[in-house]
Amino acid sequence: VRVTDAVLRELTALVPWAPLHQPHNLAPVRAAA
């Protein structure tokens, strides 16, 4: 999916489901933006 602010919020809400990976997966999205 193309990332939008809304998508980013929804994926951030899934951090408790994958705490070892999800925060590090999303950090480059924010950094690149």
ModelCIF file with pLDDT and N, C-alpha, C, O atoms, coordinates in Angstrom:
data_MODEL
#
_entry.id   MODEL 
#
_entity.id                         1 
_entity.type                       polymer 
_entity.pdbx_number_of_molecules   1 
#
_entity_poly.entity_id                      1 
_entity_poly.type                           'polypeptide(L)' 
_entity_poly.nstd_linkage                   no 
_entity_poly.nstd_monomer                   no 
_entity_poly.pdbx_seq_one_letter_code       VRVTDAVLRELTALVPWAPLHQPHNLAPVRAAA 
_entity_poly.pdbx_seq_one_letter_code_can   VRVTDAVLRELTALVPWAPLHQPHNLAPVRAAA 
_entity_poly.pdbx_strand_id                 A 
#
loop_
_entity_poly_seq.entity_id 
_entity_poly_seq.num 
_entity_poly_seq.mon_id 
_entity_poly_seq.hetero 
1 1  VAL n 
1 2  ARG n 
1 3  VAL n 
1 4  THR n 
1 5  ASP n 
1 6  ALA n 
1 7  VAL n 
1 8  LEU n 
1 9  ARG n 
1 10 GLU n 
1 11 LEU n 
1 12 THR n 
1 13 ALA n 
1 14 LEU n 
1 15 VAL n 
1 16 PRO n 
1 17 TRP n 
1 18 ALA n 
1 19 PRO n 
1 20 LEU n 
1 21 HIS n 
1 22 GLN n 
1 23 PRO n 
1 24 HIS n 
1 25 ASN n 
1 26 LEU n 
1 27 ALA n 
1 28 PRO n 
1 29 VAL n 
1 30 ARG n 
1 31 ALA n 
1 32 ALA n 
1 33 ALA n 
#
_struct_asym.id          A 
_struct_asym.entity_id   1 
#
loop_
_ma_qa_metric.id 
_ma_qa_metric.mode 
_ma_qa_metric.name 
_ma_qa_metric.software_group_id 
_ma_qa_metric.type 
1 global pLDDT . pLDDT 
2 local  pLDDT . pLDDT 
#
_ma_qa_metric_global.metric_id      1 
_ma_qa_metric_global.metric_value   94.15 
_ma_qa_metric_global.model_id       1 
_ma_qa_metric_global.ordinal_id     1 
#
loop_
_ma_qa_metric_local.label_asym_id 
_ma_qa_metric_local.label_comp_id 
_ma_qa_metric_local.label_seq_id 
_ma_qa_metric_local.metric_id 
_ma_qa_metric_local.metric_value 
_ma_qa_metric_local.model_id 
_ma_qa_metric_local.ordinal_id 
A VAL 1  2 97.00 1 1  
A ARG 2  2 97.00 1 2  
A VAL 3  2 97.00 1 3  
A THR 4  2 96.00 1 4  
A ASP 5  2 95.00 1 5  
A ALA 6  2 96.00 1 6  
A VAL 7  2 97.00 1 7  
A LEU 8  2 96.00 1 8  
A ARG 9  2 96.00 1 9  
A GLU 10 2 96.00 1 10 
A LEU 11 2 96.00 1 11 
A THR 12 2 96.00 1 12 
A ALA 13 2 95.00 1 13 
A LEU 14 2 95.00 1 14 
A VAL 15 2 94.00 1 15 
A PRO 16 2 92.00 1 16 
A TRP 17 2 92.00 1 17 
A ALA 18 2 92.00 1 18 
A PRO 19 2 90.00 1 19 
A LEU 20 2 87.00 1 20 
A HIS 21 2 91.00 1 21 
A GLN 22 2 94.00 1 22 
A PRO 23 2 93.00 1 23 
A HIS 24 2 92.00 1 24 
A ASN 25 2 94.00 1 25 
A LEU 26 2 95.00 1 26 
A ALA 27 2 93.00 1 27 
A PRO 28 2 93.00 1 28 
A VAL 29 2 95.00 1 29 
A ARG 30 2 94.00 1 30 
A ALA 31 2 93.00 1 31 
A ALA 32 2 94.00 1 32 
A ALA 33 2 94.00 1 33 
#
loop_
_atom_site.group_PDB 
_atom_site.id 
_atom_site.type_symbol 
_atom_site.label_atom_id 
_atom_site.label_alt_id 
_atom_site.label_comp_id 
_atom_site.label_asym_id 
_atom_site.label_entity_id 
_atom_site.label_seq_id 
_atom_site.pdbx_PDB_ins_code 
_atom_site.Cartn_x 
_atom_site.Cartn_y 
_atom_site.Cartn_z 
_atom_site.occupancy 
_atom_site.B_iso_or_equiv 
_atom_site.pdbx_formal_charge 
_atom_site.auth_seq_id 
_atom_site.auth_comp_id 
_atom_site.auth_asym_id 
_atom_site.auth_atom_id 
_atom_site.pdbx_PDB_model_num 
ATOM 1   N N  . VAL A 1 1  ? 0.835  -1.195 0.000  1.00 97.00 ? 1  VAL A N  1 
ATOM 2   C CA . VAL A 1 1  ? 0.000  0.000  0.000  1.00 97.00 ? 1  VAL A CA 1 
ATOM 3   C C  . VAL A 1 1  ? 0.875  1.253  0.000  1.00 97.00 ? 1  VAL A C  1 
ATOM 4   O O  . VAL A 1 1  ? 1.932  1.283  0.630  1.00 97.00 ? 1  VAL A O  1 
ATOM 5   N N  . ARG A 1 2  ? 0.424  2.284  -0.712 1.00 97.00 ? 2  ARG A N  1 
ATOM 6   C CA . ARG A 1 2  ? 1.102  3.572  -0.669 1.00 97.00 ? 2  ARG A CA 1 
ATOM 7   C C  . ARG A 1 2  ? 0.878  4.189  0.708  1.00 97.00 ? 2  ARG A C  1 
ATOM 8   O O  . ARG A 1 2  ? -0.250 4.229  1.199  1.00 97.00 ? 2  ARG A O  1 
ATOM 9   N N  . VAL A 1 3  ? 1.945  4.664  1.322  1.00 97.00 ? 3  VAL A N  1 
ATOM 10  C CA . VAL A 1 3  ? 1.858  5.186  2.677  1.00 97.00 ? 3  VAL A CA 1 
ATOM 11  C C  . VAL A 1 3  ? 1.299  6.604  2.678  1.00 97.00 ? 3  VAL A C  1 
ATOM 12  O O  . VAL A 1 3  ? 1.793  7.478  1.966  1.00 97.00 ? 3  VAL A O  1 
ATOM 13  N N  . THR A 1 4  ? 0.277  6.817  3.476  1.00 96.00 ? 4  THR A N  1 
ATOM 14  C CA . THR A 1 4  ? -0.244 8.138  3.779  1.00 96.00 ? 4  THR A CA 1 
ATOM 15  C C  . THR A 1 4  ? -0.162 8.321  5.285  1.00 96.00 ? 4  THR A C  1 
ATOM 16  O O  . THR A 1 4  ? 0.190  7.391  6.011  1.00 96.00 ? 4  THR A O  1 
ATOM 17  N N  . ASP A 1 5  ? -0.485 9.509  5.750  1.00 95.00 ? 5  ASP A N  1 
ATOM 18  C CA . ASP A 1 5  ? -0.466 9.749  7.189  1.00 95.00 ? 5  ASP A CA 1 
ATOM 19  C C  . ASP A 1 5  ? -1.450 8.815  7.887  1.00 95.00 ? 5  ASP A C  1 
ATOM 20  O O  . ASP A 1 5  ? -1.161 8.313  8.973  1.00 95.00 ? 5  ASP A O  1 
ATOM 21  N N  . ALA A 1 6  ? -2.612 8.579  7.272  1.00 96.00 ? 6  ALA A N  1 
ATOM 22  C CA . ALA A 1 6  ? -3.612 7.696  7.867  1.00 96.00 ? 6  ALA A CA 1 
ATOM 23  C C  . ALA A 1 6  ? -3.093 6.256  7.937  1.00 96.00 ? 6  ALA A C  1 
ATOM 24  O O  . ALA A 1 6  ? -3.270 5.578  8.949  1.00 96.00 ? 6  ALA A O  1 
ATOM 25  N N  . VAL A 1 7  ? -2.458 5.798  6.867  1.00 97.00 ? 7  VAL A N  1 
ATOM 26  C CA . VAL A 1 7  ? -1.880 4.452  6.858  1.00 97.00 ? 7  VAL A CA 1 
ATOM 27  C C  . VAL A 1 7  ? -0.805 4.335  7.930  1.00 97.00 ? 7  VAL A C  1 
ATOM 28  O O  . VAL A 1 7  ? -0.734 3.332  8.640  1.00 97.00 ? 7  VAL A O  1 
ATOM 29  N N  . LEU A 1 8  ? 0.026  5.356  8.044  1.00 96.00 ? 8  LEU A N  1 
ATOM 30  C CA . LEU A 1 8  ? 1.103  5.336  9.034  1.00 96.00 ? 8  LEU A CA 1 
ATOM 31  C C  . LEU A 1 8  ? 0.543  5.239  10.452 1.00 96.00 ? 8  LEU A C  1 
ATOM 32  O O  . LEU A 1 8  ? 1.099  4.539  11.299 1.00 96.00 ? 8  LEU A O  1 
ATOM 33  N N  . ARG A 1 9  ? -0.552 5.940  10.703 1.00 96.00 ? 9  ARG A N  1 
ATOM 34  C CA . ARG A 1 9  ? -1.170 5.858  12.029 1.00 96.00 ? 9  ARG A CA 1 
ATOM 35  C C  . ARG A 1 9  ? -1.685 4.439  12.295 1.00 96.00 ? 9  ARG A C  1 
ATOM 36  O O  . ARG A 1 9  ? -1.515 3.914  13.395 1.00 96.00 ? 9  ARG A O  1 
ATOM 37  N N  . GLU A 1 10 ? -2.305 3.828  11.303 1.00 96.00 ? 10 GLU A N  1 
ATOM 38  C CA . GLU A 1 10 ? -2.848 2.482  11.486 1.00 96.00 ? 10 GLU A CA 1 
ATOM 39  C C  . GLU A 1 10 ? -1.733 1.457  11.709 1.00 96.00 ? 10 GLU A C  1 
ATOM 40  O O  . GLU A 1 10 ? -1.871 0.544  12.524 1.00 96.00 ? 10 GLU A O  1 
ATOM 41  N N  . LEU A 1 11 ? -0.646 1.617  10.986 1.00 96.00 ? 11 LEU A N  1 
ATOM 42  C CA . LEU A 1 11 ? 0.473  0.687  11.157 1.00 96.00 ? 11 LEU A CA 1 
ATOM 43  C C  . LEU A 1 11 ? 1.170  0.904  12.492 1.00 96.00 ? 11 LEU A C  1 
ATOM 44  O O  . LEU A 1 11 ? 1.670  -0.045 13.096 1.00 96.00 ? 11 LEU A O  1 
ATOM 45  N N  . THR A 1 12 ? 1.203  2.135  12.948 1.00 96.00 ? 12 THR A N  1 
ATOM 46  C CA . THR A 1 12 ? 1.776  2.422  14.264 1.00 96.00 ? 12 THR A CA 1 
ATOM 47  C C  . THR A 1 12 ? 0.940  1.780  15.365 1.00 96.00 ? 12 THR A C  1 
ATOM 48  O O  . THR A 1 12 ? 1.479  1.343  16.382 1.00 96.00 ? 12 THR A O  1 
ATOM 49  N N  . ALA A 1 13 ? -0.367 1.722  15.165 1.00 95.00 ? 13 ALA A N  1 
ATOM 50  C CA . ALA A 1 13 ? -1.250 1.100  16.155 1.00 95.00 ? 13 ALA A CA 1 
ATOM 51  C C  . ALA A 1 13 ? -0.979 -0.393 16.296 1.00 95.00 ? 13 ALA A C  1 
ATOM 52  O O  . ALA A 1 13 ? -1.379 -1.003 17.287 1.00 95.00 ? 13 ALA A O  1 
ATOM 53  N N  . LEU A 1 14 ? -0.294 -0.993 15.303 1.00 95.00 ? 14 LEU A N  1 
ATOM 54  C CA . LEU A 1 14 ? 0.019  -2.426 15.345 1.00 95.00 ? 14 LEU A CA 1 
ATOM 55  C C  . LEU A 1 14 ? 1.344  -2.712 16.044 1.00 95.00 ? 14 LEU A C  1 
ATOM 56  O O  . LEU A 1 14 ? 1.745  -3.872 16.144 1.00 95.00 ? 14 LEU A O  1 
ATOM 57  N N  . VAL A 1 15 ? 2.030  -1.680 16.528 1.00 94.00 ? 15 VAL A N  1 
ATOM 58  C CA . VAL A 1 15 ? 3.315  -1.890 17.205 1.00 94.00 ? 15 VAL A CA 1 
ATOM 59  C C  . VAL A 1 15 ? 3.218  -2.924 18.330 1.00 94.00 ? 15 VAL A C  1 
ATOM 60  O O  . VAL A 1 15 ? 4.116  -3.759 18.442 1.00 94.00 ? 15 VAL A O  1 
ATOM 61  N N  . PRO A 1 16 ? 2.164  -2.911 19.179 1.00 92.00 ? 16 PRO A N  1 
ATOM 62  C CA . PRO A 1 16 ? 2.089  -3.941 20.239 1.00 92.00 ? 16 PRO A CA 1 
ATOM 63  C C  . PRO A 1 16 ? 1.989  -5.362 19.697 1.00 92.00 ? 16 PRO A C  1 
ATOM 64  O O  . PRO A 1 16 ? 2.289  -6.316 20.414 1.00 92.00 ? 16 PRO A O  1 
ATOM 65  N N  . TRP A 1 17 ? 1.573  -5.517 18.440 1.00 92.00 ? 17 TRP A N  1 
ATOM 66  C CA . TRP A 1 17 ? 1.461  -6.848 17.849 1.00 92.00 ? 17 TRP A CA 1 
ATOM 67  C C  . TRP A 1 17 ? 2.804  -7.360 17.330 1.00 92.00 ? 17 TRP A C  1 
ATOM 68  O O  . TRP A 1 17 ? 2.985  -8.565 17.154 1.00 92.00 ? 17 TRP A O  1 
ATOM 69  N N  . ALA A 1 18 ? 3.728  -6.461 17.090 1.00 92.00 ? 18 ALA A N  1 
ATOM 70  C CA . ALA A 1 18 ? 5.068  -6.842 16.618 1.00 92.00 ? 18 ALA A CA 1 
ATOM 71  C C  . ALA A 1 18 ? 6.087  -5.875 17.210 1.00 92.00 ? 18 ALA A C  1 
ATOM 72  O O  . ALA A 1 18 ? 6.719  -5.116 16.475 1.00 92.00 ? 18 ALA A O  1 
ATOM 73  N N  . PRO A 1 19 ? 6.253  -5.898 18.543 1.00 90.00 ? 19 PRO A N  1 
ATOM 74  C CA . PRO A 1 19 ? 7.085  -4.883 19.196 1.00 90.00 ? 19 PRO A CA 1 
ATOM 75  C C  . PRO A 1 19 ? 8.556  -4.947 18.854 1.00 90.00 ? 19 PRO A C  1 
ATOM 76  O O  . PRO A 1 19 ? 9.258  -3.942 18.962 1.00 90.00 ? 19 PRO A O  1 
ATOM 77  N N  . LEU A 1 20 ? 9.036  -6.108 18.443 1.00 87.00 ? 20 LEU A N  1 
ATOM 78  C CA . LEU A 1 20 ? 10.450 -6.254 18.124 1.00 87.00 ? 20 LEU A CA 1 
ATOM 79  C C  . LEU A 1 20 ? 10.785 -5.676 16.754 1.00 87.00 ? 20 LEU A C  1 
ATOM 80  O O  . LEU A 1 20 ? 11.936 -5.318 16.505 1.00 87.00 ? 20 LEU A O  1 
ATOM 81  N N  . HIS A 1 21 ? 9.797  -5.577 15.858 1.00 91.00 ? 21 HIS A N  1 
ATOM 82  C CA . HIS A 1 21 ? 10.060 -5.188 14.479 1.00 91.00 ? 21 HIS A CA 1 
ATOM 83  C C  . HIS A 1 21 ? 9.338  -3.930 14.027 1.00 91.00 ? 21 HIS A C  1 
ATOM 84  O O  . HIS A 1 21 ? 9.951  -3.067 13.399 1.00 91.00 ? 21 HIS A O  1 
ATOM 85  N N  . GLN A 1 22 ? 8.050  -3.804 14.330 1.00 94.00 ? 22 GLN A N  1 
ATOM 86  C CA . GLN A 1 22 ? 7.234  -2.748 13.738 1.00 94.00 ? 22 GLN A CA 1 
ATOM 87  C C  . GLN A 1 22 ? 7.794  -1.337 13.966 1.00 94.00 ? 22 GLN A C  1 
ATOM 88  O O  . GLN A 1 22 ? 7.802  -0.542 13.026 1.00 94.00 ? 22 GLN A O  1 
ATOM 89  N N  . PRO A 1 23 ? 8.264  -0.994 15.177 1.00 93.00 ? 23 PRO A N  1 
ATOM 90  C CA . PRO A 1 23 ? 8.812  0.356  15.353 1.00 93.00 ? 23 PRO A CA 1 
ATOM 91  C C  . PRO A 1 23 ? 9.990  0.639  14.427 1.00 93.00 ? 23 PRO A C  1 
ATOM 92  O O  . PRO A 1 23 ? 10.135 1.745  13.908 1.00 93.00 ? 23 PRO A O  1 
ATOM 93  N N  . HIS A 1 24 ? 10.836 -0.388 14.224 1.00 92.00 ? 24 HIS A N  1 
ATOM 94  C CA . HIS A 1 24 ? 12.013 -0.201 13.377 1.00 92.00 ? 24 HIS A CA 1 
ATOM 95  C C  . HIS A 1 24 ? 11.641 -0.203 11.892 1.00 92.00 ? 24 HIS A C  1 
ATOM 96  O O  . HIS A 1 24 ? 12.331 0.419  11.084 1.00 92.00 ? 24 HIS A O  1 
ATOM 97  N N  . ASN A 1 25 ? 10.559 -0.893 11.525 1.00 94.00 ? 25 ASN A N  1 
ATOM 98  C CA . ASN A 1 25 ? 10.066 -0.856 10.142 1.00 94.00 ? 25 ASN A CA 1 
ATOM 99  C C  . ASN A 1 25 ? 9.538  0.522  9.778  1.00 94.00 ? 25 ASN A C  1 
ATOM 100 O O  . ASN A 1 25 ? 9.719  0.982  8.650  1.00 94.00 ? 25 ASN A O  1 
ATOM 101 N N  . LEU A 1 26 ? 8.885  1.182  10.730 1.00 95.00 ? 26 LEU A N  1 
ATOM 102 C CA . LEU A 1 26 ? 8.228  2.460  10.454 1.00 95.00 ? 26 LEU A CA 1 
ATOM 103 C C  . LEU A 1 26 ? 9.164  3.656  10.618 1.00 95.00 ? 26 LEU A C  1 
ATOM 104 O O  . LEU A 1 26 ? 8.923  4.709  10.028 1.00 95.00 ? 26 LEU A O  1 
ATOM 105 N N  . ALA A 1 27 ? 10.216 3.509  11.402 1.00 93.00 ? 27 ALA A N  1 
ATOM 106 C CA . ALA A 1 27 ? 11.155 4.615  11.588 1.00 93.00 ? 27 ALA A CA 1 
ATOM 107 C C  . ALA A 1 27 ? 11.735 5.122  10.259 1.00 93.00 ? 27 ALA A C  1 
ATOM 108 O O  . ALA A 1 27 ? 11.835 6.336  10.081 1.00 93.00 ? 27 ALA A O  1 
ATOM 109 N N  . PRO A 1 28 ? 12.125 4.239  9.308  1.00 93.00 ? 28 PRO A N  1 
ATOM 110 C CA . PRO A 1 28 ? 12.642 4.738  8.032  1.00 93.00 ? 28 PRO A CA 1 
ATOM 111 C C  . PRO A 1 28 ? 11.593 5.478  7.211  1.00 93.00 ? 28 PRO A C  1 
ATOM 112 O O  . PRO A 1 28 ? 11.942 6.369  6.436  1.00 93.00 ? 28 PRO A O  1 
ATOM 113 N N  . VAL A 1 29 ? 10.316 5.131  7.361  1.00 95.00 ? 29 VAL A N  1 
ATOM 114 C CA . VAL A 1 29 ? 9.253  5.849  6.644  1.00 95.00 ? 29 VAL A CA 1 
ATOM 115 C C  . VAL A 1 29 ? 9.235  7.306  7.089  1.00 95.00 ? 29 VAL A C  1 
ATOM 116 O O  . VAL A 1 29 ? 9.187  8.221  6.267  1.00 95.00 ? 29 VAL A O  1 
ATOM 117 N N  . ARG A 1 30 ? 9.274  7.504  8.389  1.00 94.00 ? 30 ARG A N  1 
ATOM 118 C CA . ARG A 1 30 ? 9.251  8.866  8.917  1.00 94.00 ? 30 ARG A CA 1 
ATOM 119 C C  . ARG A 1 30 ? 10.538 9.611  8.565  1.00 94.00 ? 30 ARG A C  1 
ATOM 120 O O  . ARG A 1 30 ? 10.504 10.780 8.180  1.00 94.00 ? 30 ARG A O  1 
ATOM 121 N N  . ALA A 1 31 ? 11.670 8.923  8.702  1.00 93.00 ? 31 ALA A N  1 
ATOM 122 C CA . ALA A 1 31 ? 12.950 9.560  8.406  1.00 93.00 ? 31 ALA A CA 1 
ATOM 123 C C  . ALA A 1 31 ? 13.049 9.966  6.942  1.00 93.00 ? 31 ALA A C  1 
ATOM 124 O O  . ALA A 1 31 ? 13.531 11.054 6.629  1.00 93.00 ? 31 ALA A O  1 
ATOM 125 N N  . ALA A 1 32 ? 12.592 9.089  6.039  1.00 94.00 ? 32 ALA A N  1 
ATOM 126 C CA . ALA A 1 32 ? 12.645 9.396  4.605  1.00 94.00 ? 32 ALA A CA 1 
ATOM 127 C C  . ALA A 1 32 ? 11.712 10.535 4.244  1.00 94.00 ? 32 ALA A C  1 
ATOM 128 O O  . ALA A 1 32 ? 12.029 11.345 3.373  1.00 94.00 ? 32 ALA A O  1 
ATOM 129 N N  . ALA A 1 33 ? 10.553 10.607 4.910  1.00 94.00 ? 33 ALA A N  1 
ATOM 130 C CA . ALA A 1 33 ? 9.610  11.692 4.630  1.00 94.00 ? 33 ALA A CA 1 
ATOM 131 C C  . ALA A 1 33 ? 10.199 13.040 5.016  1.00 94.00 ? 33 ALA A C  1 
ATOM 132 O O  . ALA A 1 33 ? 9.544  14.070 4.850  1.00 94.00 ? 33 ALA A O  1 
#
